[in-house]
Amino acid sequence: MFGAILPHPPLLVPEIGRDQLKMVESTIKSVSEVFRRLKKHDFDTLVVVTPHGNVGQASVPVYTGHVFEGDFAMFGAKKPIFSFKGDPKLGLAVIKDCGLAANCPETLLDHGALVPLYFYQVEKIKKPILPVAIGFMSLKKLYDFGMSLAKTAARLGRKIAVIGSADMSHRLTQDAPSGYNPKGKEFDEKLVGLVKAYDVQGILNFDRALAEEAGQDALWSIAILLGALDGVAVKQEVLSYEGPFGVGYMVASFE
């Protein structure tokens, strides 16, 4: 029903960002807009794809818990504590239908999932969630997983929305978290352009060397999101892009 690419810096959460919030105003405004758009859609479950958490090597971990919890204590904010209802029926069905998927019993959410879900909660959306971690495999295989996910949801009569949690290059500036590399800017500009053009093949065949030099955690989540949208007519829009702290943040919606 709906898709989005959202960044996951904890500083987007007011209890953490505090004085730095003004540096990411564009991102916060765009993420909030995405969830206002999502709220207008009649969906059953929100699938959140995170590049952190229990990342797989030979499979895509699908979280099958009944309830998920998490907080930002490791980032200096013990409150609020988040709790979300899961969709174990959908999760177990995805695992049964897709040979690339594996059962993940984890119930604690990492910041890759929690940052987007903070805004989900702000909008008071109460629908269940299905967290999915990435697998370190080819983008084509991740795309195939996304296709299988959507087919399973359709078989169960579930209308899903999918969020690909994704930060761009971590090497945009001299003081960036992963150090500076001029390829970081090149990566971000190229990926933003491909998303604007909805060039699926361009993304799935992205230059591996450039992605590696950029220090990104975006392509895996985005590949799963695009797979879930396969065959669906969508209107894509990049709402914002900025990188004030050496990490690129892109916000995009697919309706």
Protein backbone atom coordinates (compact mmCIF):
# COMPACT_ATOMS: atom_id res chain seq x y z
CA MET A 1 0.00 0.00 0.00
CA PHE A 2 2.87 2.36 0.79
CA GLY A 3 6.66 2.43 0.93
CA ALA A 4 9.32 4.76 2.29
CA ILE A 5 13.06 5.16 2.66
CA LEU A 6 13.85 6.73 6.04
CA PRO A 7 17.12 7.47 7.85
CA HIS A 8 17.77 6.32 11.41
CA PRO A 9 20.03 8.77 13.29
CA PRO A 10 18.95 8.75 16.96
CA LEU A 11 19.45 12.53 17.10
CA LEU A 12 16.11 12.89 15.26
CA VAL A 13 14.50 11.99 18.59
CA PRO A 14 14.08 15.22 20.62
CA GLU A 15 15.23 13.63 23.90
CA ILE A 16 18.55 12.85 22.18
CA GLY A 17 19.03 15.52 19.53
CA ARG A 18 18.15 18.51 21.73
CA ASP A 19 20.16 21.50 20.43
CA GLN A 20 21.15 19.61 17.28
CA LEU A 21 17.56 19.27 16.07
CA LYS A 22 17.79 22.54 14.18
CA MET A 23 20.55 20.98 12.06
CA VAL A 24 18.20 18.26 10.81
CA GLU A 25 14.97 20.25 10.49
CA SER A 26 14.52 19.25 6.85
CA THR A 27 14.82 15.55 7.67
CA ILE A 28 12.46 15.72 10.66
CA LYS A 29 9.88 17.61 8.62
CA SER A 30 10.08 15.05 5.79
CA VAL A 31 9.92 11.99 8.06
CA SER A 32 6.88 13.46 9.82
CA GLU A 33 5.26 14.05 6.42
CA VAL A 34 5.87 10.42 5.43
CA PHE A 35 3.98 9.17 8.48
CA ARG A 36 1.14 11.62 7.92
CA ARG A 37 0.84 10.18 4.41
CA LEU A 38 1.04 6.62 5.73
CA LYS A 39 -1.74 7.34 8.21
CA LYS A 40 -4.11 8.03 5.32
CA HIS A 41 -3.66 4.52 3.92
CA ASP A 42 -5.75 1.54 4.98
CA PHE A 43 -3.00 -0.94 5.82
CA ASP A 44 -2.79 -3.85 8.27
CA THR A 45 0.89 -4.23 9.14
CA LEU A 46 4.00 -2.06 8.92
CA VAL A 47 7.12 -3.93 7.80
CA VAL A 48 10.30 -2.23 9.05
CA VAL A 49 13.55 -3.31 7.40
CA THR A 50 16.60 -2.46 9.53
CA PRO A 51 20.31 -2.76 8.60
CA HIS A 52 21.17 -3.19 12.29
CA GLY A 53 19.99 -5.71 14.87
CA ASN A 54 20.26 -9.44 14.14
CA VAL A 55 21.68 -9.11 10.66
CA GLY A 56 21.89 -12.35 8.70
CA GLN A 57 24.71 -13.77 6.62
CA ALA A 58 23.00 -16.51 4.59
CA SER A 59 19.37 -15.54 5.25
CA VAL A 60 17.04 -12.61 5.94
CA PRO A 61 15.99 -12.59 9.63
CA VAL A 62 12.24 -12.13 10.13
CA TYR A 63 11.16 -11.21 13.67
CA THR A 64 8.20 -13.35 14.73
CA GLY A 65 7.48 -12.04 18.23
CA HIS A 66 4.04 -11.07 19.52
CA VAL A 67 5.39 -7.88 21.17
CA PHE A 68 8.50 -5.76 20.53
CA GLU A 69 10.15 -3.28 22.87
CA GLY A 70 13.08 -0.89 22.85
CA ASP A 71 14.56 2.36 24.09
CA PHE A 72 17.41 4.76 23.40
CA ALA A 73 19.27 4.19 26.68
CA MET A 74 22.56 3.57 24.86
CA PHE A 75 22.18 7.05 23.35
CA GLY A 76 21.53 8.71 26.71
CA ALA A 77 17.73 8.61 26.79
CA LYS A 78 16.25 5.96 29.09
CA LYS A 79 12.76 7.22 28.32
CA PRO A 80 10.52 6.87 26.45
CA ILE A 81 10.31 3.08 26.36
CA PHE A 82 8.58 1.82 23.24
CA SER A 83 6.26 -1.16 22.84
CA PHE A 84 4.68 -2.41 19.62
CA LYS A 85 2.41 -5.29 18.76
CA GLY A 86 3.91 -7.81 16.34
CA ASP A 87 2.41 -9.85 13.51
CA PRO A 88 3.75 -13.38 14.10
CA LYS A 89 1.25 -14.95 11.69
CA LEU A 90 2.60 -12.90 8.79
CA GLY A 91 6.20 -13.39 9.90
CA LEU A 92 5.93 -17.18 10.11
CA ALA A 93 4.14 -17.30 6.75
CA VAL A 94 6.93 -15.28 5.12
CA ILE A 95 9.49 -17.72 6.51
CA LYS A 96 7.48 -20.71 5.26
CA ASP A 97 7.05 -19.25 1.76
CA CYS A 98 10.54 -17.83 1.21
CA GLY A 99 13.68 -19.94 1.23
CA LEU A 100 15.78 -16.83 1.90
CA ALA A 101 14.07 -16.07 5.23
CA ALA A 102 14.90 -17.31 8.74
CA ASN A 103 13.07 -17.10 12.05
CA CYS A 104 14.46 -14.49 14.44
CA PRO A 105 13.21 -14.70 18.06
CA GLU A 106 14.61 -11.26 18.97
CA THR A 107 12.07 -8.96 20.65
CA LEU A 108 14.31 -5.94 21.36
CA LEU A 109 14.38 -3.36 18.59
CA ASP A 110 17.60 -1.66 17.46
CA HIS A 111 17.83 2.02 16.55
CA GLY A 112 17.53 1.22 12.84
CA ALA A 113 13.94 0.23 13.54
CA LEU A 114 13.23 2.45 16.56
CA VAL A 115 14.05 5.82 15.01
CA PRO A 116 11.39 5.50 12.26
CA LEU A 117 8.99 3.93 14.77
CA TYR A 118 9.38 6.93 17.06
CA PHE A 119 7.55 8.99 14.42
CA TYR A 120 5.06 6.13 13.91
CA GLN A 121 4.18 6.46 17.58
CA VAL A 122 4.05 10.28 17.44
CA GLU A 123 1.33 9.92 14.78
CA LYS A 124 -0.50 7.51 17.14
CA ILE A 125 -0.64 4.74 14.55
CA LYS A 126 -1.53 1.51 16.33
CA LYS A 127 -1.15 -1.08 13.57
CA PRO A 128 1.14 -4.12 14.21
CA ILE A 129 4.71 -4.17 12.97
CA LEU A 130 6.87 -6.85 11.37
CA PRO A 131 10.60 -6.11 11.85
CA VAL A 132 12.97 -7.59 9.29
CA ALA A 133 16.76 -7.38 9.42
CA ILE A 134 18.89 -7.35 6.30
CA GLY A 135 20.98 -10.24 5.07
CA PHE A 136 24.45 -9.67 3.65
CA MET A 137 23.71 -11.15 0.25
CA SER A 138 23.30 -9.83 -3.27
CA LEU A 139 20.86 -6.98 -3.80
CA LYS A 140 19.02 -9.18 -6.32
CA LYS A 141 18.39 -11.83 -3.65
CA LEU A 142 17.16 -9.17 -1.22
CA TYR A 143 14.86 -7.87 -3.96
CA ASP A 144 13.56 -11.43 -4.42
CA PHE A 145 12.89 -11.62 -0.68
CA GLY A 146 10.88 -8.39 -0.91
CA MET A 147 8.83 -9.85 -3.76
CA SER A 148 8.15 -12.99 -1.75
CA LEU A 149 7.18 -10.91 1.28
CA ALA A 150 4.58 -9.02 -0.75
CA LYS A 151 3.20 -12.24 -2.29
CA THR A 152 2.81 -13.81 1.15
CA ALA A 153 1.04 -10.73 2.48
CA ALA A 154 -1.33 -10.83 -0.50
CA ARG A 155 -2.00 -14.54 0.07
CA LEU A 156 -2.98 -13.80 3.66
CA GLY A 157 -5.05 -10.78 2.66
CA ARG A 158 -2.66 -8.48 4.54
CA LYS A 159 -2.25 -4.93 3.26
CA ILE A 160 1.28 -3.90 4.16
CA ALA A 161 3.37 -0.76 4.23
CA VAL A 162 7.16 -1.17 4.03
CA ILE A 163 9.86 1.08 5.45
CA GLY A 164 13.45 0.66 4.33
CA SER A 165 15.51 2.14 7.17
CA ALA A 166 18.65 3.44 5.49
CA ASP A 167 21.45 5.89 6.18
CA MET A 168 23.55 6.92 3.21
CA SER A 169 27.31 7.48 3.19
CA HIS A 170 28.97 7.81 6.62
CA ARG A 171 32.01 9.53 5.08
CA LEU A 172 30.83 12.90 3.83
CA THR A 173 33.01 15.20 5.97
CA GLN A 174 36.37 15.26 7.73
CA ASP A 175 34.67 14.64 11.09
CA ALA A 176 32.29 11.95 9.77
CA PRO A 177 31.80 8.81 11.92
CA SER A 178 33.67 6.58 9.47
CA GLY A 179 36.24 9.15 8.37
CA TYR A 180 36.22 11.18 5.17
CA ASN A 181 36.12 9.79 1.64
CA PRO A 182 35.26 11.95 -1.38
CA LYS A 183 33.41 8.95 -2.82
CA GLY A 184 30.77 9.45 -0.12
CA LYS A 185 29.26 12.46 -1.84
CA GLU A 186 29.39 10.69 -5.20
CA PHE A 187 27.54 7.69 -3.77
CA ASP A 188 24.82 9.81 -2.21
CA GLU A 189 24.25 11.93 -5.30
CA LYS A 190 24.04 8.83 -7.51
CA LEU A 191 21.63 6.96 -5.20
CA VAL A 192 19.35 9.98 -4.72
CA GLY A 193 19.21 10.36 -8.50
CA LEU A 194 18.35 6.69 -9.01
CA VAL A 195 15.55 6.87 -6.43
CA LYS A 196 14.17 10.05 -8.03
CA ALA A 197 14.12 8.25 -11.40
CA TYR A 198 12.77 5.04 -9.83
CA ASP A 199 15.59 3.22 -11.62
CA VAL A 200 15.27 -0.18 -9.96
CA GLN A 201 17.87 -1.91 -12.11
CA GLY A 202 20.29 0.94 -11.57
CA ILE A 203 19.98 0.45 -7.81
CA LEU A 204 20.22 -3.36 -7.92
CA ASN A 205 23.35 -3.09 -10.11
CA PHE A 206 24.93 -0.30 -8.07
CA ASP A 207 28.74 -0.10 -8.23
CA ARG A 208 29.91 -2.29 -5.33
CA ALA A 209 33.27 -0.57 -5.02
CA LEU A 210 31.66 2.86 -4.77
CA ALA A 211 29.18 1.62 -2.16
CA GLU A 212 32.03 0.11 -0.12
CA GLU A 213 34.11 3.29 -0.22
CA ALA A 214 31.10 5.40 0.79
CA GLY A 215 30.54 3.44 4.01
CA GLN A 216 26.76 3.15 3.56
CA ASP A 217 23.98 1.03 5.06
CA ALA A 218 21.25 1.91 2.59
CA LEU A 219 21.27 -0.42 -0.41
CA TRP A 220 20.25 -3.62 1.41
CA SER A 221 17.10 -2.18 2.97
CA ILE A 222 16.17 -0.33 -0.21
CA ALA A 223 16.50 -3.53 -2.28
CA ILE A 224 13.97 -5.31 -0.04
CA LEU A 225 11.61 -2.33 -0.22
CA LEU A 226 11.80 -2.22 -4.02
CA GLY A 227 11.16 -5.95 -4.21
CA ALA A 228 7.99 -5.53 -2.18
CA LEU A 229 6.86 -2.84 -4.64
CA ASP A 230 7.57 -5.01 -7.70
CA GLY A 231 4.72 -4.86 -10.20
CA VAL A 232 2.93 -2.06 -8.35
CA ALA A 233 2.35 1.32 -10.00
CA VAL A 234 3.85 3.86 -7.61
CA LYS A 235 4.48 7.57 -7.44
CA GLN A 236 7.94 8.10 -5.97
CA GLU A 237 9.16 11.31 -4.36
CA VAL A 238 12.41 12.26 -2.64
CA LEU A 239 11.21 14.64 0.04
CA SER A 240 14.62 15.68 1.35
CA TYR A 241 18.33 14.93 1.52
CA GLU A 242 20.94 16.39 3.85
CA GLY A 243 24.17 15.36 5.57
CA PRO A 244 24.98 17.88 8.30
CA PHE A 245 26.98 15.48 10.50
CA GLY A 246 28.92 13.60 7.84
CA VAL A 247 26.16 11.03 7.24
CA GLY A 248 23.64 11.32 4.41
CA TYR A 249 19.94 11.27 5.28
CA MET A 250 17.46 10.70 2.45
CA VAL A 251 13.69 10.63 2.91
CA ALA A 252 11.58 9.22 0.07
CA SER A 253 8.03 7.98 -0.28
CA PHE A 254 6.41 5.53 -2.69
CA GLU A 255 2.62 5.76 -2.95
